[in-house]
Amino acid sequence: MKQRNSIILLVGTQKGGFLLTSDWDRKKWEVLGPFLEGSTVVHMVLDPRDNRTIFAATSHLVWGSHIQRSRDFGKTWEVPKESPKFPPGLGMTVNSIWEIKPGREGEPGTFYAGVEPAALFKSQDEGNTWTPLEALLNHPTRHLWQPAKGGLSLHSILLDPTHPQRMFVGISAGGVFRTDDGGRSWRAVNRGVRADYLPNPFPEAGQCVHKLAFHPKRPEVLYQQNHCGVYRSRNAGASWEDISEGLPSRYGLPIAVHAHDPETIYVVPEESDQNRVTVGGRFRVYRSRNGGQTWEAGYKGLPQENAYLHVLREALVTDACDPCGVYVGTKGGHLFYSRDEGVTWEVLAEWLPPIYSLSTGFPDN
């Protein structure tokens, strides 16, 4: 791995995007922004293939949803030729773009976008034009999918680095789907995942995945924070096991994996779907170092009294420094981070707009 001298934290908020930069020690940070003022930045990502290009998924009350691109770390932005849109005749409109995913190494110009209503788009020209993957759009289980609070959204995209034709997506509320042929066909992979709000609690599809994650060195092991618990699959989604025991609540939105250890994962439990705040007014990030068999609470430095905070699905992330850093943002605009893998926590920024997403990267300056 090329030695990096700096790290960047990309923060998408309800009122634009921010870039926070630091050296490898992560003790002092520079805050840049806001960028794209007036728009909600739903997701923002640095393309790891060049470590210079930033893509942002934005939403505006008047102008709708767009993808924007910066090649100079936010100083200037350009709107590509088109953003994802459904073909005429379907009667469908892209209401929101939830995630932008750069393609694999060796796939220059390739990007994916997950949207609401649930669909996966692909671009092969640096995001200038987009095409929906029809096999997922017309999946035979689609009649089982139902809108959740964020709409019927495809929000998680995982590209298997060991199988160039395999990818996974998470849909709320539709479930997890896998393709082994580059998107020409898809199958629902939800066996063992509950959907307690349906008459059949174990349907083929219709589960409410809140966030899907894996470690690229062990992509057959998947984790998900679901509406109905935290789950792990050790066989690329063919079956799932409940790993919620030891957590104060089964409900939460984000999940993140340690950058160097595929067995270490992080979640932020909340009271319930009806009361989306941290459990008991104590803000805690729970860590498992054995793939979800046991859990421990990280709270040193986090507010432990009257802290009724809410963390959205994209607002928990790790970095690839050593030791691994962990970052969590709240809908109240608080940004916390840990430089020791989740043991102790510090305030990184306060009074930001509501935080929608976090991602990290190593910029080439």
Protein backbone atom coordinates (compact mmCIF):
# COMPACT_ATOMS: atom_id res chain seq x y z
CA MET A 1 0.00 0.00 0.00
CA LYS A 2 1.27 3.46 -0.87
CA GLN A 3 2.23 5.45 2.20
CA ARG A 4 -0.32 8.17 2.83
CA ASN A 5 0.39 11.45 4.59
CA SER A 6 -3.16 12.66 5.08
CA ILE A 7 -6.70 11.46 5.57
CA ILE A 8 -9.99 13.02 4.47
CA LEU A 9 -13.40 12.67 6.08
CA LEU A 10 -16.29 13.51 3.74
CA VAL A 11 -19.39 14.69 5.58
CA GLY A 12 -22.76 14.94 3.84
CA THR A 13 -25.34 17.06 5.66
CA GLN A 14 -28.79 18.52 5.20
CA LYS A 15 -27.17 21.85 4.30
CA GLY A 16 -24.29 20.96 2.03
CA GLY A 17 -21.08 18.97 2.32
CA PHE A 18 -17.92 19.37 4.39
CA LEU A 19 -14.40 17.98 4.01
CA LEU A 20 -12.27 17.45 7.10
CA THR A 21 -8.58 16.74 6.61
CA SER A 22 -5.82 15.66 8.96
CA ASP A 23 -2.49 13.91 9.02
CA TRP A 24 -2.12 10.24 9.95
CA ASP A 25 -2.21 11.02 13.70
CA ARG A 26 -5.69 12.61 13.35
CA LYS A 27 -5.14 14.99 16.27
CA LYS A 28 -5.65 18.28 14.40
CA TRP A 29 -8.23 18.74 11.67
CA GLU A 30 -8.97 21.38 9.06
CA VAL A 31 -12.63 21.89 8.17
CA LEU A 32 -13.43 22.89 4.59
CA GLY A 33 -16.88 23.91 3.40
CA PRO A 34 -19.75 23.99 3.29
CA PHE A 35 -19.91 23.03 -0.37
CA LEU A 36 -23.04 22.64 -2.49
CA GLU A 37 -24.92 25.03 -0.21
CA GLY A 38 -28.68 24.84 -0.44
CA SER A 39 -28.70 21.14 -1.23
CA THR A 40 -28.86 18.10 1.00
CA VAL A 41 -25.77 15.99 0.41
CA VAL A 42 -27.13 12.50 0.89
CA HIS A 43 -23.83 10.76 0.15
CA MET A 44 -20.30 11.81 -0.76
CA VAL A 45 -17.34 9.62 -1.70
CA LEU A 46 -13.72 9.98 -2.81
CA ASP A 47 -12.91 7.73 -5.76
CA PRO A 48 -10.13 5.44 -4.42
CA ARG A 49 -8.89 4.75 -7.95
CA ASP A 50 -7.45 8.25 -8.33
CA ASN A 51 -7.87 9.68 -4.79
CA ARG A 52 -8.78 13.05 -6.30
CA THR A 53 -12.32 12.89 -7.66
CA ILE A 54 -15.24 13.40 -5.28
CA PHE A 55 -18.78 12.40 -6.20
CA ALA A 56 -21.76 13.75 -4.29
CA ALA A 57 -25.41 12.72 -4.41
CA THR A 58 -27.49 15.81 -3.77
CA SER A 59 -31.16 16.57 -3.26
CA HIS A 60 -32.80 19.97 -3.72
CA LEU A 61 -36.39 20.96 -3.04
CA VAL A 62 -36.65 22.69 -6.43
CA TRP A 63 -34.07 21.00 -8.67
CA GLY A 64 -34.51 17.45 -7.44
CA SER A 65 -31.80 14.77 -7.16
CA HIS A 66 -28.47 15.03 -8.96
CA ILE A 67 -24.95 13.66 -8.96
CA GLN A 68 -22.21 16.28 -8.80
CA ARG A 69 -18.48 15.89 -9.23
CA SER A 70 -15.40 17.77 -8.04
CA ARG A 71 -11.83 17.18 -9.19
CA ASP A 72 -10.24 19.79 -6.91
CA PHE A 73 -11.50 18.79 -3.45
CA GLY A 74 -14.63 20.89 -3.46
CA LYS A 75 -13.31 24.15 -4.87
CA THR A 76 -15.42 23.71 -7.99
CA TRP A 77 -18.25 21.32 -8.87
CA GLU A 78 -19.71 20.14 -12.13
CA VAL A 79 -22.96 18.37 -12.90
CA PRO A 80 -22.32 15.47 -15.30
CA LYS A 81 -24.31 15.20 -18.50
CA GLU A 82 -27.16 13.41 -16.76
CA SER A 83 -28.09 11.90 -13.42
CA PRO A 84 -29.83 8.53 -13.00
CA LYS A 85 -33.35 8.57 -14.41
CA PHE A 86 -35.79 5.87 -15.40
CA PRO A 87 -36.60 5.26 -19.06
CA PRO A 88 -39.76 6.93 -20.38
CA GLY A 89 -42.90 4.85 -20.09
CA LEU A 90 -42.21 3.33 -16.69
CA GLY A 91 -44.02 6.07 -14.82
CA MET A 92 -41.18 6.22 -12.28
CA THR A 93 -39.11 9.18 -11.09
CA VAL A 94 -35.87 9.09 -9.14
CA ASN A 95 -36.78 10.75 -5.84
CA SER A 96 -33.40 10.37 -4.16
CA ILE A 97 -29.92 9.02 -4.83
CA TRP A 98 -28.80 7.14 -1.73
CA GLU A 99 -25.33 5.86 -2.53
CA ILE A 100 -22.62 6.31 -5.14
CA LYS A 101 -20.16 3.44 -5.47
CA PRO A 102 -16.96 3.67 -7.55
CA GLY A 103 -16.20 0.56 -9.57
CA ARG A 104 -13.39 -1.86 -8.88
CA GLU A 105 -9.73 -1.36 -9.66
CA GLY A 106 -9.36 -2.11 -13.35
CA GLU A 107 -12.80 -0.62 -14.13
CA PRO A 108 -11.94 2.98 -15.00
CA GLY A 109 -14.94 5.23 -15.37
CA THR A 110 -17.36 2.72 -13.81
CA PHE A 111 -19.73 3.84 -11.06
CA TYR A 112 -22.92 2.53 -9.49
CA ALA A 113 -25.76 4.46 -7.91
CA GLY A 114 -28.53 3.22 -5.65
CA VAL A 115 -31.76 5.20 -5.80
CA GLU A 116 -35.30 5.53 -4.50
CA PRO A 117 -37.59 3.99 -5.70
CA ALA A 118 -35.29 1.00 -5.41
CA ALA A 119 -33.07 0.49 -8.45
CA LEU A 120 -29.40 0.15 -9.26
CA PHE A 121 -27.86 2.29 -12.01
CA LYS A 122 -24.50 1.83 -13.70
CA SER A 123 -22.27 4.33 -15.48
CA GLN A 124 -19.23 3.46 -17.56
CA ASP A 125 -18.24 7.00 -18.53
CA GLU A 126 -17.36 8.66 -15.20
CA GLY A 127 -20.97 9.31 -14.30
CA ASN A 128 -21.97 11.20 -17.41
CA THR A 129 -24.67 8.72 -18.43
CA TRP A 130 -26.50 6.07 -16.42
CA THR A 131 -28.40 2.87 -17.21
CA PRO A 132 -30.65 0.94 -14.81
CA LEU A 133 -29.91 -2.76 -14.30
CA GLU A 134 -33.18 -4.13 -15.60
CA ALA A 135 -33.00 -7.59 -14.02
CA LEU A 136 -33.15 -6.04 -10.55
CA LEU A 137 -35.63 -3.35 -11.55
CA ASN A 138 -38.00 -6.07 -12.80
CA HIS A 139 -37.18 -8.67 -10.16
CA PRO A 140 -40.02 -11.18 -9.62
CA THR A 141 -40.10 -10.41 -5.87
CA ARG A 142 -40.61 -6.68 -6.41
CA HIS A 143 -44.29 -6.95 -5.46
CA LEU A 144 -43.07 -7.89 -1.97
CA TRP A 145 -41.01 -4.72 -1.55
CA GLN A 146 -42.56 -1.89 0.49
CA PRO A 147 -41.45 1.69 1.19
CA ALA A 148 -39.89 2.30 4.59
CA LYS A 149 -39.47 5.68 6.28
CA GLY A 150 -36.82 6.67 3.72
CA GLY A 151 -38.96 5.41 0.85
CA LEU A 152 -38.28 2.24 -1.11
CA SER A 153 -34.55 2.80 -1.28
CA LEU A 154 -31.52 0.90 -2.54
CA HIS A 155 -28.84 2.24 -0.22
CA SER A 156 -26.06 -0.36 0.08
CA ILE A 157 -23.82 -1.52 -2.78
CA LEU A 158 -21.01 -4.03 -2.19
CA LEU A 159 -18.65 -5.10 -4.99
CA ASP A 160 -16.93 -8.42 -4.33
CA PRO A 161 -13.21 -7.90 -5.13
CA THR A 162 -12.60 -11.65 -5.43
CA HIS A 163 -15.47 -12.34 -7.88
CA PRO A 164 -15.56 -9.64 -10.57
CA GLN A 165 -19.15 -10.49 -11.52
CA ARG A 166 -20.53 -10.64 -7.97
CA MET A 167 -22.15 -7.82 -6.08
CA PHE A 168 -24.66 -7.37 -3.28
CA VAL A 169 -27.27 -4.67 -2.67
CA GLY A 170 -29.45 -3.83 0.31
CA ILE A 171 -32.97 -2.49 -0.12
CA SER A 172 -35.28 -0.99 2.49
CA ALA A 173 -37.71 -2.63 2.62
CA GLY A 174 -36.86 -5.30 0.07
CA GLY A 175 -33.97 -7.32 1.47
CA VAL A 176 -30.53 -8.34 0.28
CA PHE A 177 -29.96 -9.35 -3.35
CA ARG A 178 -26.92 -10.92 -5.01
CA THR A 179 -25.75 -11.21 -8.58
CA ASP A 180 -23.01 -13.54 -9.80
CA ASP A 181 -23.13 -12.48 -13.44
CA GLY A 182 -22.55 -8.73 -13.33
CA GLY A 183 -26.20 -7.80 -12.85
CA ARG A 184 -27.80 -9.85 -15.61
CA SER A 185 -29.69 -11.84 -12.97
CA TRP A 186 -30.31 -11.46 -9.24
CA ARG A 187 -31.50 -13.65 -6.42
CA ALA A 188 -32.91 -12.75 -3.04
CA VAL A 189 -30.60 -13.90 -0.22
CA ASN A 190 -32.58 -13.39 2.97
CA ARG A 191 -32.96 -16.80 4.57
CA GLY A 192 -32.99 -16.44 8.36
CA VAL A 193 -33.68 -12.68 8.44
CA ARG A 194 -36.86 -11.64 10.22
CA ALA A 195 -39.55 -9.27 8.99
CA ASP A 196 -41.71 -9.03 12.12
CA TYR A 197 -44.02 -6.45 10.55
CA LEU A 198 -45.27 -8.95 7.92
CA PRO A 199 -47.74 -11.84 8.33
CA ASN A 200 -44.94 -14.22 7.30
CA PRO A 201 -41.94 -13.20 9.45
CA PHE A 202 -39.47 -15.04 7.17
CA PRO A 203 -40.42 -14.09 3.60
CA GLU A 204 -38.31 -14.58 0.50
CA ALA A 205 -38.00 -10.81 0.21
CA GLY A 206 -39.40 -7.72 1.89
CA GLN A 207 -37.00 -7.49 4.83
CA CYS A 208 -36.00 -3.99 5.88
CA VAL A 209 -32.21 -3.84 5.56
CA HIS A 210 -30.93 -0.66 7.15
CA LYS A 211 -27.27 -1.09 6.15
CA LEU A 212 -25.19 -3.86 4.56
CA ALA A 213 -21.41 -4.21 5.03
CA PHE A 214 -18.46 -6.54 4.53
CA HIS A 215 -14.67 -6.53 4.65
CA PRO A 216 -13.05 -6.73 1.18
CA LYS A 217 -10.57 -9.36 2.39
CA ARG A 218 -13.43 -11.64 3.43
CA PRO A 219 -16.35 -10.72 1.17
CA GLU A 220 -18.23 -13.98 1.77
CA VAL A 221 -18.91 -12.74 5.34
CA LEU A 222 -21.70 -10.18 5.27
CA TYR A 223 -23.14 -8.11 8.10
CA GLN A 224 -26.37 -6.17 8.22
CA GLN A 225 -28.14 -3.90 10.65
CA ASN A 226 -31.77 -4.67 10.00
CA HIS A 227 -35.03 -3.22 11.23
CA CYS A 228 -35.40 -6.47 13.17
CA GLY A 229 -31.88 -7.09 14.47
CA VAL A 230 -28.21 -7.45 13.54
CA TYR A 231 -27.29 -10.40 11.29
CA ARG A 232 -24.24 -12.15 9.87
CA SER A 233 -23.85 -14.42 6.87
CA ARG A 234 -20.75 -16.59 6.40
CA ASN A 235 -21.77 -17.92 2.98
CA ALA A 236 -22.28 -14.85 0.77
CA GLY A 237 -25.85 -14.34 1.89
CA ALA A 238 -27.13 -17.89 1.34
CA SER A 239 -28.20 -17.94 5.01
CA TRP A 240 -28.09 -15.53 7.93
CA GLU A 241 -27.73 -15.84 11.70
CA ASP A 242 -28.97 -13.42 14.32
CA ILE A 243 -26.11 -11.80 16.27
CA SER A 244 -28.19 -9.29 18.26
CA GLU A 245 -27.75 -10.97 21.65
CA GLY A 246 -25.80 -8.74 24.02
CA LEU A 247 -27.04 -5.47 22.51
CA PRO A 248 -29.48 -3.25 24.44
CA SER A 249 -31.79 -3.10 21.40
CA ARG A 250 -32.23 -4.95 18.15
CA TYR A 251 -33.02 -1.69 16.34
CA GLY A 252 -30.50 0.66 14.74
CA LEU A 253 -29.55 2.06 11.35
CA PRO A 254 -25.77 1.94 10.63
CA ILE A 255 -23.17 -0.81 10.76
CA ALA A 256 -19.45 -0.56 9.96
CA VAL A 257 -16.53 -2.99 9.71
CA HIS A 258 -13.01 -2.44 11.04
CA ALA A 259 -10.59 -1.59 8.22
CA HIS A 260 -8.06 -4.29 9.11
CA ASP A 261 -10.01 -6.93 11.04
CA PRO A 262 -13.01 -8.56 9.31
CA GLU A 263 -14.27 -9.85 12.67
CA THR A 264 -14.60 -6.39 14.27
CA ILE A 265 -17.85 -4.54 13.65
CA TYR A 266 -19.62 -1.48 15.06
CA VAL A 267 -23.30 -0.61 15.55
CA VAL A 268 -25.32 2.14 17.28
CA PRO A 269 -28.44 0.63 18.90
CA GLU A 270 -31.51 2.83 19.30
CA GLU A 271 -34.67 2.44 21.36
CA SER A 272 -37.02 1.23 18.63
CA ASP A 273 -38.50 2.08 15.25
CA GLN A 274 -41.06 4.21 17.07
CA ASN A 275 -38.47 6.01 19.24
CA ARG A 276 -35.33 6.52 17.17
CA VAL A 277 -32.96 7.75 19.85
CA THR A 278 -30.01 6.20 21.65
CA VAL A 279 -31.00 3.72 24.34
CA GLY A 280 -31.64 5.22 27.79
CA GLY A 281 -30.31 8.62 26.80
CA ARG A 282 -26.76 7.21 26.70
CA PHE A 283 -24.83 7.59 23.46
CA ARG A 284 -22.81 4.40 22.91
CA VAL A 285 -21.13 2.74 19.94
CA TYR A 286 -21.10 -1.03 20.41
CA ARG A 287 -18.18 -3.08 19.15
CA SER A 288 -17.81 -6.80 18.56
CA ARG A 289 -14.34 -8.24 18.00
CA ASN A 290 -15.54 -11.76 17.19
CA GLY A 291 -18.03 -11.31 14.40
CA GLY A 292 -21.00 -10.57 16.66
CA GLN A 293 -20.64 -13.38 19.19
CA THR A 294 -20.17 -10.85 22.01
CA TRP A 295 -20.52 -7.08 22.26
CA GLU A 296 -18.93 -4.32 24.32
CA ALA A 297 -20.03 -0.71 24.72
CA GLY A 298 -17.74 2.15 23.78
CA TYR A 299 -18.74 5.28 25.65
CA LYS A 300 -15.70 6.98 27.19
CA GLY A 301 -15.89 10.56 25.91
CA LEU A 302 -19.47 10.22 24.65
CA PRO A 303 -22.44 11.87 26.44
CA GLN A 304 -24.05 9.48 28.91
CA GLU A 305 -26.90 11.58 30.32
CA ASN A 306 -29.88 13.04 28.49
CA ALA A 307 -28.27 12.21 25.14
CA TYR A 308 -31.23 11.34 22.93
CA LEU A 309 -29.36 11.26 19.64
CA HIS A 310 -30.19 9.70 16.29
CA VAL A 311 -27.67 8.27 13.80
CA LEU A 312 -28.63 7.71 10.16
CA ARG A 313 -27.59 4.67 8.12
CA GLU A 314 -24.56 6.23 6.39
CA ALA A 315 -23.26 8.15 9.41
CA LEU A 316 -20.93 5.51 10.91
CA VAL A 317 -17.63 4.73 9.19
CA THR A 318 -14.07 3.54 9.82
CA ASP A 319 -10.76 4.64 8.33
CA ALA A 320 -7.75 2.59 7.24
CA CYS A 321 -5.21 4.19 9.55
CA ASP A 322 -3.40 2.11 12.17
CA PRO A 323 -4.90 2.00 14.70
CA CYS A 324 -8.23 2.10 12.91
CA GLY A 325 -10.33 5.22 13.42
CA VAL A 326 -14.11 5.21 13.88
CA TYR A 327 -16.42 8.14 13.13
CA VAL A 328 -20.08 8.69 13.98
CA GLY A 329 -22.33 11.64 13.18
CA THR A 330 -25.77 12.48 14.53
CA LYS A 331 -28.85 14.07 13.10
CA GLY A 332 -28.27 16.85 15.63
CA GLY A 333 -25.02 17.78 13.89
CA HIS A 334 -22.56 16.26 16.39
CA LEU A 335 -19.51 14.51 14.99
CA PHE A 336 -17.50 12.18 17.24
CA TYR A 337 -14.46 10.07 16.49
CA SER A 338 -12.19 7.49 18.06
CA ARG A 339 -8.49 7.10 17.29
CA ASP A 340 -8.20 3.80 19.15
CA GLU A 341 -10.72 1.54 17.41
CA GLY A 342 -13.73 2.63 19.47
CA VAL A 343 -12.37 2.51 23.02
CA THR A 344 -12.28 6.27 23.69
CA TRP A 345 -14.05 9.07 21.86
CA GLU A 346 -13.53 12.76 21.14
CA VAL A 347 -15.62 15.55 19.66
CA LEU A 348 -14.49 16.33 16.13
CA ALA A 349 -17.13 18.93 15.23
CA GLU A 350 -20.26 20.36 16.82
CA TRP A 351 -23.28 22.23 15.53
CA LEU A 352 -23.06 21.01 11.98
CA PRO A 353 -26.31 20.63 10.04
CA PRO A 354 -27.96 17.19 10.40
CA ILE A 355 -25.38 14.62 9.28
CA TYR A 356 -26.54 12.24 6.55
CA SER A 357 -23.34 10.44 5.59
CA LEU A 358 -19.68 9.91 6.40
CA SER A 359 -16.93 8.35 4.30
CA THR A 360 -13.13 8.35 4.46
CA GLY A 361 -10.26 8.29 2.03
CA PHE A 362 -6.62 9.17 1.44
CA PRO A 363 -6.31 12.14 -0.92
CA ASP A 364 -3.52 12.65 -3.40
CA ASN A 365 -2.68 16.29 -2.90
